[in-house]
Amino acid sequence: MKALVRKIEQISIIDCSGDVDLYSSPQLRETLLKEMRSGVQNVLINMADVPYIDSSGIATLVEGLQLSRETKTHFGLFGLRSNARSVLELARLHKVFPLFDNEKDAVERISTIQPFGGL
């Protein structure tokens, strides 16, 4: 799994690729928490190239959501494949995370969502 950060204006986008599982979720966690603590106001995770996510990956996303409350950061996910979306729906987390269909929609709307919502 790779987690690379890029910026679009005032938005940090973390592009993930590969499976997010027990072995790779620490890398995503490190990247996500570093961005959240850096003072940026908007963080998006691009999940378009993530074919599989397990419970440890979900736990990493939940930790990011909780940190977004502390840092008052707008946080969301976009580009989820059907498998990853199904995992979030099964855990009923699709109601907690701001989810966007694509990058354009996410970039346009991330700053309008309620920051640190959810859990």
PDB file of N, CA and C in Angstrom:
ATOM      1  N   MET A   1       0.826  -1.170   0.000  1.00  0.00           N
ATOM      2  CA  MET A   1       0.000   0.000   0.000  1.00  0.00           C
ATOM      3  C   MET A   1       0.878   1.244   0.000  1.00  0.00           C
ATOM      4  N   LYS A   2       0.457   2.240  -0.752  1.00  0.00           N
ATOM      5  CA  LYS A   2       1.142   3.527  -0.777  1.00  0.00           C
ATOM      6  C   LYS A   2       0.155   4.597  -0.314  1.00  0.00           C
ATOM      7  N   ALA A   3       0.667   5.590   0.397  1.00  0.00           N
ATOM      8  CA  ALA A   3      -0.135   6.733   0.829  1.00  0.00           C
ATOM      9  C   ALA A   3       0.690   7.983   0.565  1.00  0.00           C
ATOM     10  N   LEU A   4       0.354   8.668  -0.513  1.00  0.00           N
ATOM     11  CA  LEU A   4       1.086   9.855  -0.929  1.00  0.00           C
ATOM     12  C   LEU A   4       0.211  11.088  -0.766  1.00  0.00           C
ATOM     13  N   VAL A   5       0.811  12.174  -0.286  1.00  0.00           N
ATOM     14  CA  VAL A   5       0.070  13.405  -0.035  1.00  0.00           C
ATOM     15  C   VAL A   5       0.338  14.408  -1.152  1.00  0.00           C
ATOM     16  N   ARG A   6      -0.736  15.033  -1.600  1.00  0.00           N
ATOM     17  CA  ARG A   6      -0.622  16.148  -2.533  1.00  0.00           C
ATOM     18  C   ARG A   6      -1.578  17.240  -2.073  1.00  0.00           C
ATOM     19  N   LYS A   7      -1.345  18.445  -2.542  1.00  0.00           N
ATOM     20  CA  LYS A   7      -2.150  19.588  -2.108  1.00  0.00           C
ATOM     21  C   LYS A   7      -2.870  20.195  -3.304  1.00  0.00           C
ATOM     22  N   ILE A   8      -4.103  20.570  -3.062  1.00  0.00           N
ATOM     23  CA  ILE A   8      -4.877  21.390  -3.981  1.00  0.00           C
ATOM     24  C   ILE A   8      -5.402  22.547  -3.148  1.00  0.00           C
ATOM     25  N   GLU A   9      -4.837  23.715  -3.371  1.00  0.00           N
ATOM     26  CA  GLU A   9      -5.174  24.899  -2.591  1.00  0.00           C
ATOM     27  C   GLU A   9      -5.005  24.601  -1.103  1.00  0.00           C
ATOM     28  N   GLN A  10      -6.064  24.667  -0.326  1.00  0.00           N
ATOM     29  CA  GLN A  10      -5.994  24.465   1.122  1.00  0.00           C
ATOM     30  C   GLN A  10      -6.428  23.053   1.532  1.00  0.00           C
ATOM     31  N   ILE A  11      -6.306  22.117   0.606  1.00  0.00           N
ATOM     32  CA  ILE A  11      -6.775  20.745   0.841  1.00  0.00           C
ATOM     33  C   ILE A  11      -5.613  19.775   0.692  1.00  0.00           C
ATOM     34  N   SER A  12      -5.429  18.910   1.681  1.00  0.00           N
ATOM     35  CA  SER A  12      -4.467  17.809   1.581  1.00  0.00           C
ATOM     36  C   SER A  12      -5.225  16.580   1.101  1.00  0.00           C
ATOM     37  N   ILE A  13      -4.749  15.993   0.035  1.00  0.00           N
ATOM     38  CA  ILE A  13      -5.349  14.764  -0.482  1.00  0.00           C
ATOM     39  C   ILE A  13      -4.333  13.644  -0.306  1.00  0.00           C
ATOM     40  N   ILE A  14      -4.763  12.590   0.376  1.00  0.00           N
ATOM     41  CA  ILE A  14      -3.924  11.415   0.564  1.00  0.00           C
ATOM     42  C   ILE A  14      -4.380  10.373  -0.449  1.00  0.00           C
ATOM     43  N   ASP A  15      -3.533  10.131  -1.440  1.00  0.00           N
ATOM     44  CA  ASP A  15      -3.835   9.140  -2.463  1.00  0.00           C
ATOM     45  C   ASP A  15      -3.353   7.780  -1.977  1.00  0.00           C
ATOM     46  N   CYS A  16      -4.284   6.881  -1.751  1.00  0.00           N
ATOM     47  CA  CYS A  16      -3.958   5.519  -1.306  1.00  0.00           C
ATOM     48  C   CYS A  16      -4.034   4.568  -2.490  1.00  0.00           C
ATOM     49  N   SER A  17      -3.140   3.612  -2.498  1.00  0.00           N
ATOM     50  CA  SER A  17      -3.212   2.567  -3.511  1.00  0.00           C
ATOM     51  C   SER A  17      -2.774   1.247  -2.879  1.00  0.00           C
ATOM     52  N   GLY A  18      -3.503   0.198  -3.226  1.00  0.00           N
ATOM     53  CA  GLY A  18      -3.222  -1.121  -2.661  1.00  0.00           C
ATOM     54  C   GLY A  18      -4.154  -1.438  -1.516  1.00  0.00           C
ATOM     55  N   ASP A  19      -4.012  -2.634  -0.984  1.00  0.00           N
ATOM     56  CA  ASP A  19      -4.848  -3.084   0.125  1.00  0.00           C
ATOM     57  C   ASP A  19      -4.501  -2.320   1.404  1.00  0.00           C
ATOM     58  N   VAL A  20      -5.527  -1.956   2.155  1.00  0.00           N
ATOM     59  CA  VAL A  20      -5.332  -1.343   3.466  1.00  0.00           C
ATOM     60  C   VAL A  20      -5.710  -2.403   4.489  1.00  0.00           C
ATOM     61  N   ASP A  21      -4.690  -3.054   5.032  1.00  0.00           N
ATOM     62  CA  ASP A  21      -4.924  -4.171   5.939  1.00  0.00           C
ATOM     63  C   ASP A  21      -4.009  -4.061   7.159  1.00  0.00           C
ATOM     64  N   LEU A  22      -3.961  -5.113   7.931  1.00  0.00           N
ATOM     65  CA  LEU A  22      -3.182  -5.128   9.168  1.00  0.00           C
ATOM     66  C   LEU A  22      -1.730  -4.713   8.937  1.00  0.00           C
ATOM     67  N   TYR A  23      -1.168  -5.107   7.829  1.00  0.00           N
ATOM     68  CA  TYR A  23       0.243  -4.835   7.566  1.00  0.00           C
ATOM     69  C   TYR A  23       0.502  -3.428   7.025  1.00  0.00           C
ATOM     70  N   SER A  24      -0.463  -2.887   6.277  1.00  0.00           N
ATOM     71  CA  SER A  24      -0.238  -1.594   5.640  1.00  0.00           C
ATOM     72  C   SER A  24      -0.939  -0.423   6.331  1.00  0.00           C
ATOM     73  N   SER A  25      -1.922  -0.699   7.170  1.00  0.00           N
ATOM     74  CA  SER A  25      -2.663   0.408   7.799  1.00  0.00           C
ATOM     75  C   SER A  25      -1.781   1.311   8.667  1.00  0.00           C
ATOM     76  N   PRO A  26      -0.690   0.819   9.298  1.00  0.00           N
ATOM     77  CA  PRO A  26       0.167   1.748  10.046  1.00  0.00           C
ATOM     78  C   PRO A  26       0.748   2.864   9.172  1.00  0.00           C
ATOM     79  N   GLN A  27       1.050   2.563   7.921  1.00  0.00           N
ATOM     80  CA  GLN A  27       1.571   3.593   7.017  1.00  0.00           C
ATOM     81  C   GLN A  27       0.504   4.653   6.747  1.00  0.00           C
ATOM     82  N   LEU A  28      -0.740   4.212   6.483  1.00  0.00           N
ATOM     83  CA  LEU A  28      -1.833   5.162   6.276  1.00  0.00           C
ATOM     84  C   LEU A  28      -2.066   5.976   7.541  1.00  0.00           C
ATOM     85  N   ARG A  29      -2.024   5.320   8.681  1.00  0.00           N
ATOM     86  CA  ARG A  29      -2.227   5.998   9.963  1.00  0.00           C
ATOM     87  C   ARG A  29      -1.198   7.108  10.163  1.00  0.00           C
ATOM     88  N   GLU A  30       0.069   6.782   9.930  1.00  0.00           N
ATOM     89  CA  GLU A  30       1.142   7.758  10.112  1.00  0.00           C
ATOM     90  C   GLU A  30       0.938   8.971   9.193  1.00  0.00           C
ATOM     91  N   THR A  31       0.618   8.712   7.931  1.00  0.00           N
ATOM     92  CA  THR A  31       0.414   9.786   6.962  1.00  0.00           C
ATOM     93  C   THR A  31      -0.797  10.626   7.330  1.00  0.00           C
ATOM     94  N   LEU A  32      -1.897   9.975   7.681  1.00  0.00           N
ATOM     95  CA  LEU A  32      -3.130  10.674   8.024  1.00  0.00           C
ATOM     96  C   LEU A  32      -2.964  11.537   9.269  1.00  0.00           C
ATOM     97  N   LEU A  33      -2.393  10.975  10.323  1.00  0.00           N
ATOM     98  CA  LEU A  33      -2.244  11.726  11.568  1.00  0.00           C
ATOM     99  C   LEU A  33      -1.274  12.893  11.398  1.00  0.00           C
ATOM    100  N   LYS A  34      -0.236  12.704  10.611  1.00  0.00           N
ATOM    101  CA  LYS A  34       0.714  13.784  10.352  1.00  0.00           C
ATOM    102  C   LYS A  34       0.005  14.951   9.654  1.00  0.00           C
ATOM    103  N   GLU A  35      -0.821  14.650   8.666  1.00  0.00           N
ATOM    104  CA  GLU A  35      -1.551  15.710   7.963  1.00  0.00           C
ATOM    105  C   GLU A  35      -2.541  16.407   8.893  1.00  0.00           C
ATOM    106  N   MET A  36      -3.262  15.627   9.682  1.00  0.00           N
ATOM    107  CA  MET A  36      -4.250  16.207  10.602  1.00  0.00           C
ATOM    108  C   MET A  36      -3.586  17.144  11.608  1.00  0.00           C
ATOM    109  N   ARG A  37      -2.409  16.769  12.054  1.00  0.00           N
ATOM    110  CA  ARG A  37      -1.712  17.566  13.076  1.00  0.00           C
ATOM    111  C   ARG A  37      -0.900  18.723  12.485  1.00  0.00           C
ATOM    112  N   SER A  38      -0.821  18.800  11.169  1.00  0.00           N
ATOM    113  CA  SER A  38      -0.007  19.829  10.515  1.00  0.00           C
ATOM    114  C   SER A  38      -0.686  21.191  10.473  1.00  0.00           C
ATOM    115  N   GLY A  39      -1.969  21.222  10.802  1.00  0.00           N
ATOM    116  CA  GLY A  39      -2.679  22.496  10.800  1.00  0.00           C
ATOM    117  C   GLY A  39      -3.521  22.744   9.563  1.00  0.00           C
ATOM    118  N   VAL A  40      -3.532  21.806   8.611  1.00  0.00           N
ATOM    119  CA  VAL A  40      -4.396  21.992   7.444  1.00  0.00           C
ATOM    120  C   VAL A  40      -5.849  21.899   7.886  1.00  0.00           C
ATOM    121  N   GLN A  41      -6.714  22.559   7.168  1.00  0.00           N
ATOM    122  CA  GLN A  41      -8.126  22.586   7.542  1.00  0.00           C
ATOM    123  C   GLN A  41      -8.972  21.527   6.833  1.00  0.00           C
ATOM    124  N   ASN A  42      -8.438  20.955   5.752  1.00  0.00           N
ATOM    125  CA  ASN A  42      -9.195  19.995   4.947  1.00  0.00           C
ATOM    126  C   ASN A  42      -8.312  18.814   4.563  1.00  0.00           C
ATOM    127  N   VAL A  43      -8.775  17.607   4.885  1.00  0.00           N
ATOM    128  CA  VAL A  43      -8.046  16.391   4.520  1.00  0.00           C
ATOM    129  C   VAL A  43      -9.021  15.429   3.847  1.00  0.00           C
ATOM    130  N   LEU A  44      -8.631  14.970   2.665  1.00  0.00           N
ATOM    131  CA  LEU A  44      -9.408  13.980   1.926  1.00  0.00           C
ATOM    132  C   LEU A  44      -8.552  12.754   1.687  1.00  0.00           C
ATOM    133  N   ILE A  45      -9.184  11.595   1.729  1.00  0.00           N
ATOM    134  CA  ILE A  45      -8.483  10.359   1.374  1.00  0.00           C
ATOM    135  C   ILE A  45      -9.094   9.829   0.082  1.00  0.00           C
ATOM    136  N   ASN A  46      -8.229   9.659  -0.909  1.00  0.00           N
ATOM    137  CA  ASN A  46      -8.617   9.111  -2.195  1.00  0.00           C
ATOM    138  C   ASN A  46      -8.510   7.590  -2.111  1.00  0.00           C
ATOM    139  N   MET A  47      -9.656   6.929  -2.155  1.00  0.00           N
ATOM    140  CA  MET A  47      -9.698   5.467  -2.013  1.00  0.00           C
ATOM    141  C   MET A  47      -9.917   4.754  -3.357  1.00  0.00           C
ATOM    142  N   ALA A  48      -9.788   5.479  -4.459  1.00  0.00           N
ATOM    143  CA  ALA A  48     -10.097   4.914  -5.776  1.00  0.00           C
ATOM    144  C   ALA A  48      -9.225   3.708  -6.136  1.00  0.00           C
ATOM    145  N   ASP A  49      -7.995   3.672  -5.617  1.00  0.00           N
ATOM    146  CA  ASP A  49      -7.091   2.568  -5.935  1.00  0.00           C
ATOM    147  C   ASP A  49      -6.902   1.609  -4.764  1.00  0.00           C
ATOM    148  N   VAL A  50      -7.918   1.536  -3.893  1.00  0.00           N
ATOM    149  CA  VAL A  50      -7.893   0.615  -2.751  1.00  0.00           C
ATOM    150  C   VAL A  50      -8.916  -0.494  -3.016  1.00  0.00           C
ATOM    151  N   PRO A  51      -8.439  -1.674  -3.431  1.00  0.00           N
ATOM    152  CA  PRO A  51      -9.373  -2.760  -3.720  1.00  0.00           C
ATOM    153  C   PRO A  51      -9.914  -3.454  -2.472  1.00  0.00           C
ATOM    154  N   TYR A  52      -9.189  -3.337  -1.345  1.00  0.00           N
ATOM    155  CA  TYR A  52      -9.576  -4.087  -0.140  1.00  0.00           C
ATOM    156  C   TYR A  52      -9.200  -3.283   1.094  1.00  0.00           C
ATOM    157  N   ILE A  53     -10.099  -3.276   2.080  1.00  0.00           N
ATOM    158  CA  ILE A  53      -9.807  -2.671   3.377  1.00  0.00           C
ATOM    159  C   ILE A  53     -10.359  -3.592   4.452  1.00  0.00           C
ATOM    160  N   ASP A  54      -9.569  -3.832   5.495  1.00  0.00           N
ATOM    161  CA  ASP A  54     -10.037  -4.695   6.585  1.00  0.00           C
ATOM    162  C   ASP A  54     -10.317  -3.853   7.826  1.00  0.00           C
ATOM    163  N   SER A  55     -10.573  -4.526   8.931  1.00  0.00           N
ATOM    164  CA  SER A  55     -10.961  -3.819  10.157  1.00  0.00           C
ATOM    165  C   SER A  55      -9.857  -2.904  10.688  1.00  0.00           C
ATOM    166  N   SER A  56      -8.605  -3.255  10.474  1.00  0.00           N
ATOM    167  CA  SER A  56      -7.531  -2.379  10.938  1.00  0.00           C
ATOM    168  C   SER A  56      -7.483  -1.103  10.093  1.00  0.00           C
ATOM    169  N   GLY A  57      -7.784  -1.211   8.821  1.00  0.00           N
ATOM    170  CA  GLY A  57      -7.878  -0.036   7.964  1.00  0.00           C
ATOM    171  C   GLY A  57      -9.039   0.851   8.366  1.00  0.00           C
ATOM    172  N   ILE A  58     -10.171   0.233   8.681  1.00  0.00           N
ATOM    173  CA  ILE A  58     -11.335   0.985   9.155  1.00  0.00           C
ATOM    174  C   ILE A  58     -10.999   1.682  10.471  1.00  0.00           C
ATOM    175  N   ALA A  59     -10.299   0.989  11.362  1.00  0.00           N
ATOM    176  CA  ALA A  59      -9.902   1.591  12.644  1.00  0.00           C
ATOM    177  C   ALA A  59      -9.019   2.815  12.413  1.00  0.00           C
ATOM    178  N   THR A  60      -8.149   2.764  11.423  1.00  0.00           N
ATOM    179  CA  THR A  60      -7.298   3.902  11.088  1.00  0.00           C
ATOM    180  C   THR A  60      -8.151   5.085  10.630  1.00  0.00           C
ATOM    181  N   LEU A  61      -9.145   4.821   9.789  1.00  0.00           N
ATOM    182  CA  LEU A  61     -10.030   5.889   9.329  1.00  0.00           C
ATOM    183  C   LEU A  61     -10.837   6.483  10.483  1.00  0.00           C
ATOM    184  N   VAL A  62     -11.300   5.641  11.374  1.00  0.00           N
ATOM    185  CA  VAL A  62     -12.049   6.118  12.546  1.00  0.00           C
ATOM    186  C   VAL A  62     -11.147   6.974  13.431  1.00  0.00           C
ATOM    187  N   GLU A  63      -9.899   6.568  13.608  1.00  0.00           N
ATOM    188  CA  GLU A  63      -8.963   7.363  14.394  1.00  0.00           C
ATOM    189  C   GLU A  63      -8.760   8.734  13.746  1.00  0.00           C
ATOM    190  N   GLY A  64      -8.661   8.757  12.433  1.00  0.00           N
ATOM    191  CA  GLY A  64      -8.554  10.025  11.720  1.00  0.00           C
ATOM    192  C   GLY A  64      -9.783  10.895  11.924  1.00  0.00           C
ATOM    193  N   LEU A  65     -10.954  10.281  11.904  1.00  0.00           N
ATOM    194  CA  LEU A  65     -12.191  11.021  12.135  1.00  0.00           C
ATOM    195  C   LEU A  65     -12.224  11.606  13.545  1.00  0.00           C
ATOM    196  N   GLN A  66     -11.803  10.812  14.514  1.00  0.00           N
ATOM    197  CA  GLN A  66     -11.770  11.304  15.894  1.00  0.00           C
ATOM    198  C   GLN A  66     -10.769  12.451  16.045  1.00  0.00           C
ATOM    199  N   LEU A  67      -9.618  12.337  15.396  1.00  0.00           N
ATOM    200  CA  LEU A  67      -8.634  13.408  15.463  1.00  0.00           C
ATOM    201  C   LEU A  67      -9.143  14.661  14.758  1.00  0.00           C
ATOM    202  N   SER A  68      -9.959  14.488  13.733  1.00  0.00           N
ATOM    203  CA  SER A  68     -10.518  15.652  13.043  1.00  0.00           C
ATOM    204  C   SER A  68     -11.379  16.484  13.987  1.00  0.00           C
ATOM    205  N   ARG A  69     -11.998  15.837  14.951  1.00  0.00           N
ATOM    206  CA  ARG A  69     -12.776  16.569  15.966  1.00  0.00           C
ATOM    207  C   ARG A  69     -11.852  17.430  16.820  1.00  0.00           C
ATOM    208  N   GLU A  70     -10.731  16.855  17.235  1.00  0.00           N
ATOM    209  CA  GLU A  70      -9.786  17.575  18.091  1.00  0.00           C
ATOM    210  C   GLU A  70      -9.115  18.727  17.352  1.00  0.00           C
ATOM    211  N   THR A  71      -8.800  18.520  16.087  1.00  0.00           N
ATOM    212  CA  THR A  71      -8.068  19.520  15.313  1.00  0.00           C
ATOM    213  C   THR A  71      -8.993  20.432  14.505  1.00  0.00           C
ATOM    214  N   LYS A  72     -10.299  20.169  14.587  1.00  0.00           N
ATOM    215  CA  LYS A  72     -11.295  20.944  13.840  1.00  0.00           C
ATOM    216  C   LYS A  72     -10.996  20.943  12.333  1.00  0.00           C
ATOM    217  N   THR A  73     -10.674  19.776  11.846  1.00  0.00           N
ATOM    218  CA  THR A  73     -10.341  19.577  10.437  1.00  0.00           C
ATOM    219  C   THR A  73     -11.529  18.973   9.702  1.00  0.00           C
ATOM    220  N   HIS A  74     -11.809  19.500   8.511  1.00  0.00           N
ATOM    221  CA  HIS A  74     -12.799  18.863   7.641  1.00  0.00           C
ATOM    222  C   HIS A  74     -12.143  17.602   7.086  1.00  0.00           C
ATOM    223  N   PHE A  75     -12.822  16.466   7.186  1.00  0.00           N
ATOM    224  CA  PHE A  75     -12.233  15.186   6.801  1.00  0.00           C
ATOM    225  C   PHE A  75     -13.246  14.371   6.023  1.00  0.00           C
ATOM    226  N   GLY A  76     -12.829  13.796   4.898  1.00  0.00           N
ATOM    227  CA  GLY A  76     -13.738  12.983   4.111  1.00  0.00           C
ATOM    228  C   GLY A  76     -12.996  11.981   3.246  1.00  0.00           C
ATOM    229  N   LEU A  77     -13.780  11.105   2.642  1.00  0.00           N
ATOM    230  CA  LEU A  77     -13.261  10.043   1.774  1.00  0.00           C
ATOM    231  C   LEU A  77     -13.925  10.165   0.410  1.00  0.00           C
ATOM    232  N   PHE A  78     -13.187   9.809  -0.633  1.00  0.00           N
ATOM    233  CA  PHE A  78     -13.822   9.770  -1.951  1.00  0.00           C
ATOM    234  C   PHE A  78     -13.258   8.621  -2.780  1.00  0.00           C
ATOM    235  N   GLY A  79     -14.039   8.260  -3.806  1.00  0.00           N
ATOM    236  CA  GLY A  79     -13.595   7.244  -4.748  1.00  0.00           C
ATOM    237  C   GLY A  79     -13.652   5.820  -4.232  1.00  0.00           C
ATOM    238  N   LEU A  80     -14.493   5.555  -3.240  1.00  0.00           N
ATOM    239  CA  LEU A  80     -14.539   4.203  -2.677  1.00  0.00           C
ATOM    240  C   LEU A  80     -15.055   3.194  -3.699  1.00  0.00           C
ATOM    241  N   ARG A  81     -14.349   2.103  -3.814  1.00  0.00           N
ATOM    242  CA  ARG A  81     -14.818   0.981  -4.625  1.00  0.00           C
ATOM    243  C   ARG A  81     -15.933   0.270  -3.872  1.00  0.00           C
ATOM    244  N   SER A  82     -16.649  -0.574  -4.565  1.00  0.00           N
ATOM    245  CA  SER A  82     -17.808  -1.231  -3.959  1.00  0.00           C
ATOM    246  C   SER A  82     -17.439  -2.055  -2.731  1.00  0.00           C
ATOM    247  N   ASN A  83     -16.286  -2.722  -2.741  1.00  0.00           N
ATOM    248  CA  ASN A  83     -15.879  -3.540  -1.599  1.00  0.00           C
ATOM    249  C   ASN A  83     -15.656  -2.678  -0.350  1.00  0.00           C
ATOM    250  N   ALA A  84     -14.914  -1.594  -0.507  1.00  0.00           N
ATOM    251  CA  ALA A  84     -14.645  -0.715   0.631  1.00  0.00           C
ATOM    252  C   ALA A  84     -15.931  -0.052   1.118  1.00  0.00           C
ATOM    253  N   ARG A  85     -16.775   0.360   0.193  1.00  0.00           N
ATOM    254  CA  ARG A  85     -18.058   0.968   0.578  1.00  0.00           C
ATOM    255  C   ARG A  85     -18.920  -0.041   1.338  1.00  0.00           C
ATOM    256  N   SER A  86     -18.893  -1.296   0.904  1.00  0.00           N
ATOM    257  CA  SER A  86     -19.672  -2.344   1.581  1.00  0.00           C
ATOM    258  C   SER A  86     -19.199  -2.544   3.020  1.00  0.00           C
ATOM    259  N   VAL A  87     -17.883  -2.506   3.223  1.00  0.00           N
ATOM    260  CA  VAL A  87     -17.335  -2.660   4.577  1.00  0.00           C
ATOM    261  C   VAL A  87     -17.809  -1.506   5.462  1.00  0.00           C
ATOM    262  N   LEU A  88     -17.758  -0.282   4.945  1.00  0.00           N
ATOM    263  CA  LEU A  88     -18.230   0.873   5.719  1.00  0.00           C
ATOM    264  C   LEU A  88     -19.729   0.770   6.004  1.00  0.00           C
ATOM    265  N   GLU A  89     -20.498   0.320   5.022  1.00  0.00           N
ATOM    266  CA  GLU A  89     -21.939   0.176   5.218  1.00  0.00           C
ATOM    267  C   GLU A  89     -22.248  -0.913   6.246  1.00  0.00           C
ATOM    268  N   LEU A  90     -21.521  -1.999   6.186  1.00  0.00           N
ATOM    269  CA  LEU A  90     -21.725  -3.087   7.139  1.00  0.00           C
ATOM    270  C   LEU A  90     -21.499  -2.612   8.566  1.00  0.00           C
ATOM    271  N   ALA A  91     -20.488  -1.770   8.743  1.00  0.00           N
ATOM    272  CA  ALA A  91     -20.189  -1.217  10.072  1.00  0.00           C
ATOM    273  C   ALA A  91     -21.028   0.036  10.370  1.00  0.00           C
ATOM    274  N   ARG A  92     -21.900   0.397   9.447  1.00  0.00           N
ATOM    275  CA  ARG A  92     -22.770   1.571   9.550  1.00  0.00           C
ATOM    276  C   ARG A  92     -21.975   2.873   9.639  1.00  0.00           C
ATOM    277  N   LEU A  93     -20.757   2.852   9.158  1.00  0.00           N
ATOM    278  CA  LEU A  93     -19.904   4.039   9.187  1.00  0.00           C
ATOM    279  C   LEU A  93     -20.134   4.957   7.989  1.00  0.00           C
ATOM    280  N   HIS A  94     -20.876   4.479   6.993  1.00  0.00           N
ATOM    281  CA  HIS A  94     -21.192   5.341   5.853  1.00  0.00           C
ATOM    282  C   HIS A  94     -22.055   6.524   6.285  1.00  0.00           C
ATOM    283  N   LYS A  95     -22.680   6.409   7.450  1.00  0.00           N
ATOM    284  CA  LYS A  95     -23.496   7.503   7.991  1.00  0.00           C
ATOM    285  C   LYS A  95     -22.649   8.483   8.806  1.00  0.00           C
ATOM    286  N   VAL A  96     -21.428   8.091   9.116  1.00  0.00           N
ATOM    287  CA  VAL A  96     -20.546   8.890   9.968  1.00  0.00           C
ATOM    288  C   VAL A  96     -19.522   9.666   9.148  1.00  0.00           C
ATOM    289  N   PHE A  97     -18.935   9.013   8.150  1.00  0.00           N
ATOM    290  CA  PHE A  97     -17.919   9.644   7.321  1.00  0.00           C
ATOM    291  C   PHE A  97     -18.565  10.457   6.209  1.00  0.00           C
ATOM    292  N   PRO A  98     -18.048  11.640   5.938  1.00  0.00           N
ATOM    293  CA  PRO A  98     -18.442  12.326   4.709  1.00  0.00           C
ATOM    294  C   PRO A  98     -17.842  11.565   3.521  1.00  0.00           C
ATOM    295  N   LEU A  99     -18.701  11.060   2.651  1.00  0.00           N
ATOM    296  CA  LEU A  99     -18.265  10.283   1.492  1.00  0.00           C
ATOM    297  C   LEU A  99     -18.618  11.050   0.223  1.00  0.00           C
ATOM    298  N   PHE A 100     -17.678  11.088  -0.693  1.00  0.00           N
ATOM    299  CA  PHE A 100     -17.884  11.764  -1.965  1.00  0.00           C
ATOM    300  C   PHE A 100     -17.604  10.768  -3.081  1.00  0.00           C
ATOM    301  N   ASP A 101     -18.306  10.924  -4.190  1.00  0.00           N
ATOM    302  CA  ASP A 101     -18.139   9.997  -5.303  1.00  0.00           C
ATOM    303  C   ASP A 101     -16.804  10.155  -6.017  1.00  0.00           C
ATOM    304  N   ASN A 102     -16.359  11.405  -6.174  1.00  0.00           N
ATOM    305  CA  ASN A 102     -15.147  11.644  -6.951  1.00  0.00           C
ATOM    306  C   ASN A 102     -14.382  12.837  -6.392  1.00  0.00           C
ATOM    307  N   GLU A 103     -13.192  13.038  -6.907  1.00  0.00           N
ATOM    308  CA  GLU A 103     -12.314  14.101  -6.402  1.00  0.00           C
ATOM    309  C   GLU A 103     -12.911  15.487  -6.624  1.00  0.00           C
ATOM    310  N   LYS A 104     -13.479  15.709  -7.787  1.00  0.00           N
ATOM    311  CA  LYS A 104     -14.055  17.025  -8.090  1.00  0.00           C
ATOM    312  C   LYS A 104     -15.114  17.394  -7.065  1.00  0.00           C
ATOM    313  N   ASP A 105     -16.024  16.491  -6.805  1.00  0.00           N
ATOM    314  CA  ASP A 105     -17.086  16.720  -5.823  1.00  0.00           C
ATOM    315  C   ASP A 105     -16.501  16.922  -4.426  1.00  0.00           C
ATOM    316  N   ALA A 106     -15.522  16.104  -4.072  1.00  0.00           N
ATOM    317  CA  ALA A 106     -14.909  16.198  -2.742  1.00  0.00           C
ATOM    318  C   ALA A 106     -14.215  17.541  -2.547  1.00  0.00           C
ATOM    319  N   VAL A 107     -13.448  17.965  -3.533  1.00  0.00           N
ATOM    320  CA  VAL A 107     -12.711  19.231  -3.430  1.00  0.00           C
ATOM    321  C   VAL A 107     -13.681  20.410  -3.340  1.00  0.00           C
ATOM    322  N   GLU A 108     -14.755  20.350  -4.118  1.00  0.00           N
ATOM    323  CA  GLU A 108     -15.729  21.438  -4.115  1.00  0.00           C
ATOM    324  C   GLU A 108     -16.502  21.525  -2.798  1.00  0.00           C
ATOM    325  N   ARG A 109     -16.765  20.392  -2.170  1.00  0.00           N
ATOM    326  CA  ARG A 109     -17.673  20.380  -1.021  1.00  0.00           C
ATOM    327  C   ARG A 109     -17.025  20.191   0.346  1.00  0.00           C
ATOM    328  N   ILE A 110     -15.749  19.790   0.414  1.00  0.00           N
ATOM    329  CA  ILE A 110     -15.147  19.430   1.706  1.00  0.00           C
ATOM    330  C   ILE A 110     -15.225  20.575   2.716  1.00  0.00           C
ATOM    331  N   SER A 111     -15.003  21.787   2.285  1.00  0.00           N
ATOM    332  CA  SER A 111     -15.003  22.896   3.255  1.00  0.00           C
ATOM    333  C   SER A 111     -16.403  23.310   3.670  1.00  0.00           C
ATOM    334  N   THR A 112     -17.436  22.767   3.010  1.00  0.00           N
ATOM    335  CA  THR A 112     -18.808  23.111   3.382  1.00  0.00           C
ATOM    336  C   THR A 112     -19.426  22.126   4.364  1.00  0.00           C
ATOM    337  N   ILE A 113     -18.774  20.981   4.554  1.00  0.00           N
ATOM    338  CA  ILE A 113     -19.328  20.000   5.487  1.00  0.00           C
ATOM    339  C   ILE A 113     -19.025  20.411   6.921  1.00  0.00           C
ATOM    340  N   GLN A 114     -19.789  19.915   7.817  1.00  0.00           N
ATOM    341  CA  GLN A 114     -19.568  20.196   9.232  1.00  0.00           C
ATOM    342  C   GLN A 114     -18.266  19.538   9.658  1.00  0.00           C
ATOM    343  N   PRO A 115     -17.286  20.333  10.112  1.00  0.00           N
ATOM    344  CA  PRO A 115     -16.041  19.706  10.560  1.00  0.00           C
ATOM    345  C   PRO A 115     -16.250  18.907  11.823  1.00  0.00           C
ATOM    346  N   PHE A 116     -15.395  17.934  11.994  1.00  0.00           N
ATOM    347  CA  PHE A 116     -15.354  17.075  13.166  1.00  0.00           C
ATOM    348  C   PHE A 116     -16.724  16.505  13.527  1.00  0.00           C
ATOM    349  N   GLY A 117     -17.532  16.189  12.545  1.00  0.00           N
ATOM    350  CA  GLY A 117     -18.807  15.523  12.805  1.00  0.00           C
ATOM    351  C   GLY A 117     -18.595  14.047  12.965  1.00  0.00           C
ATOM    352  N   GLY A 118     -19.656  13.342  13.181  1.00  0.00           N
ATOM    353  CA  GLY A 118     -19.543  11.894  13.196  1.00  0.00           C
ATOM    354  C   GLY A 118     -19.671  11.259  14.548  1.00  0.00           C
ATOM    355  N   LEU A 119     -18.629  10.587  14.980  1.00  0.00           N
ATOM    356  CA  LEU A 119     -18.669   9.761  16.176  1.00  0.00           C
ATOM    357  C   LEU A 119     -18.900  10.546  17.446  1.00  0.00           C
TER     358      LEU A 119
END
